[in-house]
Amino acid sequence: MQGVLTGFAVIAVVIGVGYAIGRRGYLGDHGREVLTKLAFHVASPALLFTTLAQTDLSVIFSSRLLVTALSTAAAAGVFVAVGVVRCWGVGRTTIGALCSSYVNSGNLGIPIAVYVLGDASLVAPVLLFQLVGVTPIALTILDLSGGGGKGPLWRRLLTPLRNPIAVGSLAGVAVSASGLRIPAPVLDPLTLIGGMSVPAVLLAFGISLCGSTMPGRGPDRHPVFLSVALKSVGQPAAAWALAAGVFGLRGAPLLDVVVTSALPAAQNLYTYASSYGVGERLARDSILLSTVISVPVLVVVAALLG
């Protein structure tokens, strides 16, 4: 328990430093954007590649992945059911369902996996499931509902496979499966670059907190509050029930799946909403609120299961 709280404290301090940097303007107007792009395109793919390339695949393809898939479907399904009854529309309901179940496995998942769970590879099953499974389905629904994204459908469906983090993860899995050993002159620079991922992400998140507006207002407040409740409480509760009650997980494996399920909504969901011109306010407010609420939720989860 002490180690878990220490991990959260480390994360909070670095986010606080990022906030101070943002308030002071030390990195200029584009500091957050540069840090985010550095983490997304370079550091995080390197971290996941080097971690997964040396990881036993049984850790990735295990019952934890099934728990993740089922808890994701449960949270998204509840939102879809309410959206149908309340006539929120296919596009907005799809965005809301994503905000209810699609976790921030890249930006916040990696730091939390490193400092709280002690292993960056633990977010890989969630990340791959979302990028390769959930995203193509959601984009297809948005296309069929007339969301009107840019470019041909097949190209948009393949977008997750061009995601740098997904590519780094899949490459690491391939190396691990092949049994190849990466020479030190190749592995060491990648390890060094991957070390930038966690601090860059946390600093960028801290900077992003500067000037945030009050969420949860306007006509989207009911979908927002429902998606945040499902994401922050419903999905981790479903993961705990499935992991402990159905799959018999205990100890560290149980903590892993519940913590990853309690992560907030992913920031790239706002990109999807903006691209299709639907549910933008819903996505923005859900992401912000679930991110704030995830902190006490994760602390409680760690206290109860750690």
Protein backbone atom coordinates (compact mmCIF):
# COMPACT_ATOMS: atom_id res chain seq x y z
CA MET A 1 0.00 0.00 0.00
CA GLN A 2 2.82 2.43 0.86
CA GLY A 3 4.46 1.79 -2.51
CA VAL A 4 1.21 2.51 -4.35
CA LEU A 5 0.67 5.81 -2.50
CA THR A 6 4.30 6.74 -3.18
CA GLY A 7 3.71 6.08 -6.86
CA PHE A 8 0.68 8.37 -6.93
CA ALA A 9 2.62 11.01 -4.99
CA VAL A 10 5.43 10.94 -7.58
CA ILE A 11 2.92 11.33 -10.39
CA ALA A 12 1.15 14.19 -8.58
CA VAL A 13 4.40 16.06 -7.99
CA VAL A 14 5.45 15.87 -11.64
CA ILE A 15 1.97 16.97 -12.78
CA GLY A 16 2.26 19.86 -10.31
CA VAL A 17 5.60 20.84 -11.83
CA GLY A 18 3.95 20.79 -15.25
CA TYR A 19 1.17 23.03 -13.98
CA ALA A 20 3.73 25.49 -12.59
CA ILE A 21 5.60 25.45 -15.91
CA GLY A 22 2.35 26.20 -17.71
CA ARG A 23 1.46 29.04 -15.35
CA ARG A 24 4.88 30.60 -15.78
CA GLY A 25 4.97 30.04 -19.52
CA TYR A 26 8.51 28.63 -19.43
CA LEU A 27 7.97 26.46 -22.52
CA GLY A 28 6.05 29.06 -24.50
CA ASP A 29 2.67 28.69 -26.14
CA HIS A 30 3.43 25.31 -27.72
CA GLY A 31 5.21 23.56 -24.84
CA ARG A 32 2.38 21.13 -24.11
CA GLU A 33 1.99 20.29 -27.78
CA VAL A 34 5.70 19.58 -28.18
CA LEU A 35 5.84 17.39 -25.07
CA THR A 36 2.72 15.49 -26.14
CA LYS A 37 4.05 14.86 -29.63
CA LEU A 38 7.43 13.80 -28.23
CA ALA A 39 5.75 11.27 -25.94
CA PHE A 40 3.22 10.04 -28.49
CA HIS A 41 5.43 9.71 -31.56
CA VAL A 42 8.82 8.87 -30.06
CA ALA A 43 9.19 8.13 -26.35
CA SER A 44 6.09 6.03 -25.58
CA PRO A 45 6.52 3.73 -28.63
CA ALA A 46 10.13 3.19 -27.60
CA LEU A 47 9.16 2.45 -23.99
CA LEU A 48 6.47 -0.05 -24.97
CA PHE A 49 8.68 -1.71 -27.57
CA THR A 50 11.61 -2.24 -25.21
CA THR A 51 9.30 -3.42 -22.42
CA LEU A 52 7.20 -5.81 -24.48
CA ALA A 53 10.15 -7.20 -26.42
CA GLN A 54 11.46 -8.60 -23.13
CA THR A 55 8.09 -9.61 -21.63
CA ASP A 56 6.53 -13.05 -21.39
CA LEU A 57 3.51 -13.00 -23.71
CA SER A 58 1.45 -14.93 -21.18
CA VAL A 59 1.29 -11.67 -19.19
CA ILE A 60 -0.34 -9.95 -22.18
CA PHE A 61 -2.69 -12.60 -23.56
CA SER A 62 -4.29 -13.77 -20.33
CA SER A 63 -7.61 -13.61 -18.54
CA ARG A 64 -6.87 -9.94 -17.80
CA LEU A 65 -7.47 -9.09 -21.44
CA LEU A 66 -10.85 -10.81 -21.36
CA VAL A 67 -11.81 -8.92 -18.20
CA THR A 68 -10.86 -5.67 -19.94
CA ALA A 69 -12.97 -6.52 -23.00
CA LEU A 70 -16.02 -7.51 -20.96
CA SER A 71 -15.89 -4.51 -18.61
CA THR A 72 -15.49 -2.21 -21.61
CA ALA A 73 -18.53 -3.76 -23.28
CA ALA A 74 -20.55 -3.48 -20.06
CA ALA A 75 -19.87 0.24 -19.53
CA ALA A 76 -20.38 1.12 -23.19
CA GLY A 77 -23.54 -1.01 -23.34
CA VAL A 78 -25.19 0.83 -20.45
CA PHE A 79 -24.56 4.19 -22.11
CA VAL A 80 -25.86 2.93 -25.46
CA ALA A 81 -29.04 1.63 -23.80
CA VAL A 82 -29.71 4.97 -22.12
CA GLY A 83 -28.84 6.83 -25.32
CA VAL A 84 -31.36 4.82 -27.29
CA VAL A 85 -34.09 5.42 -24.72
CA ARG A 86 -33.32 9.15 -24.49
CA CYS A 87 -32.92 9.52 -28.30
CA TRP A 88 -29.45 11.09 -28.11
CA GLY A 89 -28.63 10.09 -31.68
CA VAL A 90 -26.23 7.48 -33.05
CA GLY A 91 -23.22 9.76 -33.34
CA ARG A 92 -23.49 11.36 -29.91
CA THR A 93 -24.33 8.02 -28.31
CA THR A 94 -21.24 6.46 -29.90
CA ILE A 95 -18.99 9.23 -28.59
CA GLY A 96 -20.58 8.95 -25.15
CA ALA A 97 -20.14 5.18 -25.11
CA LEU A 98 -16.45 5.65 -25.91
CA CYS A 99 -16.11 8.22 -23.12
CA SER A 100 -17.73 5.69 -20.77
CA SER A 101 -15.30 2.86 -21.52
CA TYR A 102 -12.23 3.87 -23.56
CA VAL A 103 -9.42 4.39 -21.05
CA ASN A 104 -6.41 6.67 -21.30
CA SER A 105 -3.97 3.78 -21.56
CA GLY A 106 -1.29 5.80 -23.35
CA ASN A 107 -0.97 9.21 -21.72
CA LEU A 108 -1.82 8.32 -18.11
CA GLY A 109 -1.86 4.53 -18.31
CA ILE A 110 1.87 4.22 -18.94
CA PRO A 111 2.96 6.43 -15.99
CA ILE A 112 0.50 4.73 -13.64
CA ALA A 113 1.59 1.29 -14.83
CA VAL A 114 5.23 2.21 -14.23
CA TYR A 115 4.92 3.92 -10.85
CA VAL A 116 1.88 2.24 -9.32
CA LEU A 117 1.80 -1.26 -10.83
CA GLY A 118 5.54 -1.49 -11.47
CA ASP A 119 5.36 -2.73 -15.08
CA ALA A 120 4.63 -0.69 -18.24
CA SER A 121 3.67 -3.85 -20.15
CA LEU A 122 0.48 -4.18 -18.06
CA VAL A 123 -1.23 -1.47 -20.12
CA ALA A 124 -0.35 -3.15 -23.43
CA PRO A 125 -3.37 -5.52 -23.52
CA VAL A 126 -5.74 -2.60 -22.93
CA LEU A 127 -3.99 -0.38 -25.46
CA LEU A 128 -3.94 -3.01 -28.20
CA PHE A 129 -7.55 -4.05 -27.56
CA GLN A 130 -8.72 -0.47 -27.85
CA LEU A 131 -6.66 0.52 -30.87
CA VAL A 132 -7.14 -2.66 -32.89
CA GLY A 133 -10.65 -3.65 -31.71
CA VAL A 134 -12.73 -0.82 -30.30
CA THR A 135 -11.57 2.07 -32.49
CA PRO A 136 -12.35 0.49 -35.90
CA ILE A 137 -15.83 -0.49 -34.70
CA ALA A 138 -16.56 3.00 -33.37
CA LEU A 139 -15.27 4.70 -36.54
CA THR A 140 -17.37 2.40 -38.68
CA ILE A 141 -20.51 3.30 -36.70
CA LEU A 142 -19.72 7.01 -36.99
CA ASP A 143 -19.22 6.63 -40.74
CA LEU A 144 -22.43 4.68 -41.26
CA SER A 145 -24.34 7.22 -39.16
CA GLY A 146 -23.23 10.00 -41.51
CA GLY A 147 -20.50 11.47 -39.33
CA GLY A 148 -18.52 12.17 -42.47
CA GLY A 149 -14.88 11.73 -41.54
CA LYS A 150 -12.23 12.61 -44.11
CA GLY A 151 -10.83 10.07 -46.53
CA PRO A 152 -12.01 6.60 -47.60
CA LEU A 153 -13.47 4.26 -44.99
CA TRP A 154 -10.73 1.63 -45.36
CA ARG A 155 -8.05 4.23 -44.65
CA ARG A 156 -9.79 5.43 -41.49
CA LEU A 157 -10.26 1.86 -40.28
CA LEU A 158 -6.52 1.29 -40.64
CA THR A 159 -5.69 4.47 -38.73
CA PRO A 160 -5.11 2.62 -35.41
CA LEU A 161 -2.47 0.47 -37.12
CA ARG A 162 -0.59 3.62 -38.10
CA ASN A 163 -0.66 4.83 -34.50
CA PRO A 164 3.00 5.03 -33.27
CA ILE A 165 2.14 3.57 -29.86
CA ALA A 166 0.28 0.67 -31.47
CA VAL A 167 3.16 0.06 -33.87
CA GLY A 168 5.69 0.08 -31.02
CA SER A 169 3.54 -2.31 -28.99
CA LEU A 170 2.92 -4.72 -31.88
CA ALA A 171 6.61 -4.69 -32.80
CA GLY A 172 7.55 -5.51 -29.22
CA VAL A 173 5.04 -8.36 -29.13
CA ALA A 174 6.44 -9.69 -32.42
CA VAL A 175 10.01 -9.64 -31.09
CA SER A 176 8.96 -11.38 -27.88
CA ALA A 177 7.03 -14.04 -29.80
CA SER A 178 9.99 -14.70 -32.11
CA GLY A 179 12.38 -15.20 -29.21
CA LEU A 180 14.92 -12.79 -30.70
CA ARG A 181 17.35 -10.99 -28.43
CA ILE A 182 17.93 -7.34 -29.29
CA PRO A 183 21.63 -6.38 -29.29
CA ALA A 184 22.62 -3.88 -26.60
CA PRO A 185 23.75 -1.20 -29.10
CA VAL A 186 20.16 -1.19 -30.44
CA LEU A 187 18.28 -1.71 -27.17
CA ASP A 188 20.14 0.81 -25.01
CA PRO A 189 19.36 3.93 -27.10
CA LEU A 190 15.71 2.87 -27.33
CA THR A 191 15.61 2.37 -23.56
CA LEU A 192 17.10 5.83 -23.03
CA ILE A 193 14.55 7.42 -25.37
CA GLY A 194 11.71 5.49 -23.74
CA GLY A 195 12.74 6.96 -20.39
CA MET A 196 11.43 10.34 -21.58
CA SER A 197 7.88 9.04 -21.98
CA VAL A 198 6.55 9.22 -18.43
CA PRO A 199 7.91 12.66 -17.44
CA ALA A 200 6.94 14.18 -20.81
CA VAL A 201 3.35 12.90 -20.52
CA LEU A 202 2.91 14.04 -16.93
CA LEU A 203 4.42 17.48 -17.54
CA ALA A 204 2.19 17.96 -20.58
CA PHE A 205 -0.87 16.96 -18.57
CA GLY A 206 0.05 19.43 -15.83
CA ILE A 207 0.40 22.21 -18.38
CA SER A 208 -3.01 21.31 -19.87
CA LEU A 209 -4.70 22.01 -16.51
CA CYS A 210 -3.93 25.72 -16.83
CA GLY A 211 -6.96 27.73 -17.92
CA SER A 212 -9.41 24.80 -18.05
CA THR A 213 -13.08 25.87 -18.10
CA MET A 214 -15.77 24.44 -15.81
CA PRO A 215 -17.21 21.27 -17.43
CA GLY A 216 -20.65 19.68 -17.09
CA ARG A 217 -22.79 22.59 -18.23
CA GLY A 218 -25.13 23.07 -21.17
CA PRO A 219 -27.36 20.63 -23.07
CA ASP A 220 -24.84 17.78 -22.86
CA ARG A 221 -24.70 17.71 -19.08
CA HIS A 222 -26.79 14.53 -18.69
CA PRO A 223 -24.73 12.47 -21.19
CA VAL A 224 -21.57 13.92 -19.63
CA PHE A 225 -22.50 12.94 -16.08
CA LEU A 226 -23.61 9.48 -17.17
CA SER A 227 -20.41 8.81 -19.11
CA VAL A 228 -18.25 10.06 -16.23
CA ALA A 229 -20.12 7.90 -13.70
CA LEU A 230 -19.74 4.82 -15.91
CA LYS A 231 -16.08 5.51 -16.63
CA SER A 232 -15.06 6.38 -13.08
CA VAL A 233 -17.19 3.91 -11.11
CA GLY A 234 -19.11 1.55 -13.39
CA GLN A 235 -16.26 0.18 -15.46
CA PRO A 236 -13.83 -0.47 -12.56
CA ALA A 237 -16.70 -2.03 -10.56
CA ALA A 238 -17.51 -4.31 -13.49
CA ALA A 239 -13.83 -5.21 -13.86
CA TRP A 240 -13.59 -6.07 -10.16
CA ALA A 241 -16.73 -8.20 -10.25
CA LEU A 242 -15.57 -10.10 -13.33
CA ALA A 243 -11.97 -10.51 -12.22
CA ALA A 244 -12.71 -11.61 -8.66
CA GLY A 245 -16.06 -13.31 -9.08
CA VAL A 246 -15.75 -14.99 -12.48
CA PHE A 247 -12.03 -15.42 -13.16
CA GLY A 248 -10.87 -15.79 -9.56
CA LEU A 249 -8.09 -13.20 -9.75
CA ARG A 250 -6.50 -12.14 -6.50
CA GLY A 251 -3.66 -9.91 -5.39
CA ALA A 252 -1.58 -8.10 -8.00
CA PRO A 253 -3.51 -9.39 -11.07
CA LEU A 254 -6.79 -8.16 -9.56
CA LEU A 255 -5.26 -4.77 -8.75
CA ASP A 256 -3.86 -4.49 -12.29
CA VAL A 257 -7.18 -4.98 -14.10
CA VAL A 258 -9.17 -2.74 -11.76
CA VAL A 259 -6.61 0.08 -11.88
CA THR A 260 -6.43 0.02 -15.68
CA SER A 261 -10.24 0.01 -15.87
CA ALA A 262 -10.38 3.02 -13.52
CA LEU A 263 -8.20 5.16 -15.80
CA PRO A 264 -10.01 8.23 -17.18
CA ALA A 265 -11.38 8.63 -20.70
CA ALA A 266 -8.69 8.89 -23.37
CA GLN A 267 -7.84 12.33 -24.73
CA ASN A 268 -7.89 11.15 -28.35
CA LEU A 269 -11.67 10.70 -28.09
CA TYR A 270 -11.99 14.46 -28.50
CA THR A 271 -10.07 14.11 -31.76
CA TYR A 272 -12.62 11.57 -33.00
CA ALA A 273 -15.54 13.81 -31.97
CA SER A 274 -13.99 16.82 -33.68
CA SER A 275 -13.22 14.89 -36.86
CA TYR A 276 -16.82 13.76 -37.21
CA GLY A 277 -18.37 16.98 -35.90
CA VAL A 278 -20.47 15.23 -33.26
CA GLY A 279 -20.43 15.22 -29.45
CA GLU A 280 -17.45 17.56 -29.13
CA ARG A 281 -18.61 19.22 -25.90
CA LEU A 282 -19.61 15.81 -24.55
CA ALA A 283 -16.14 14.40 -25.25
CA ARG A 284 -14.25 17.40 -23.88
CA ASP A 285 -16.18 17.60 -20.61
CA SER A 286 -16.22 13.83 -20.07
CA ILE A 287 -12.46 13.60 -20.52
CA LEU A 288 -11.75 16.47 -18.15
CA LEU A 289 -14.16 15.34 -15.41
CA SER A 290 -13.16 11.68 -15.55
CA THR A 291 -9.49 12.68 -15.38
CA VAL A 292 -10.05 14.72 -12.22
CA ILE A 293 -12.26 12.08 -10.57
CA SER A 294 -9.89 9.24 -11.48
CA VAL A 295 -7.33 10.43 -8.95
CA PRO A 296 -9.38 9.71 -5.78
CA VAL A 297 -10.89 6.63 -7.42
CA LEU A 298 -7.45 5.17 -8.15
CA VAL A 299 -6.29 5.95 -4.63
CA VAL A 300 -9.32 4.14 -3.17
CA VAL A 301 -8.80 1.16 -5.49
CA ALA A 302 -5.16 0.94 -4.49
CA ALA A 303 -6.05 1.19 -0.79
CA LEU A 304 -8.65 -1.58 -1.00
CA LEU A 305 -6.79 -3.97 -3.30
CA GLY A 306 -3.14 -3.03 -2.92
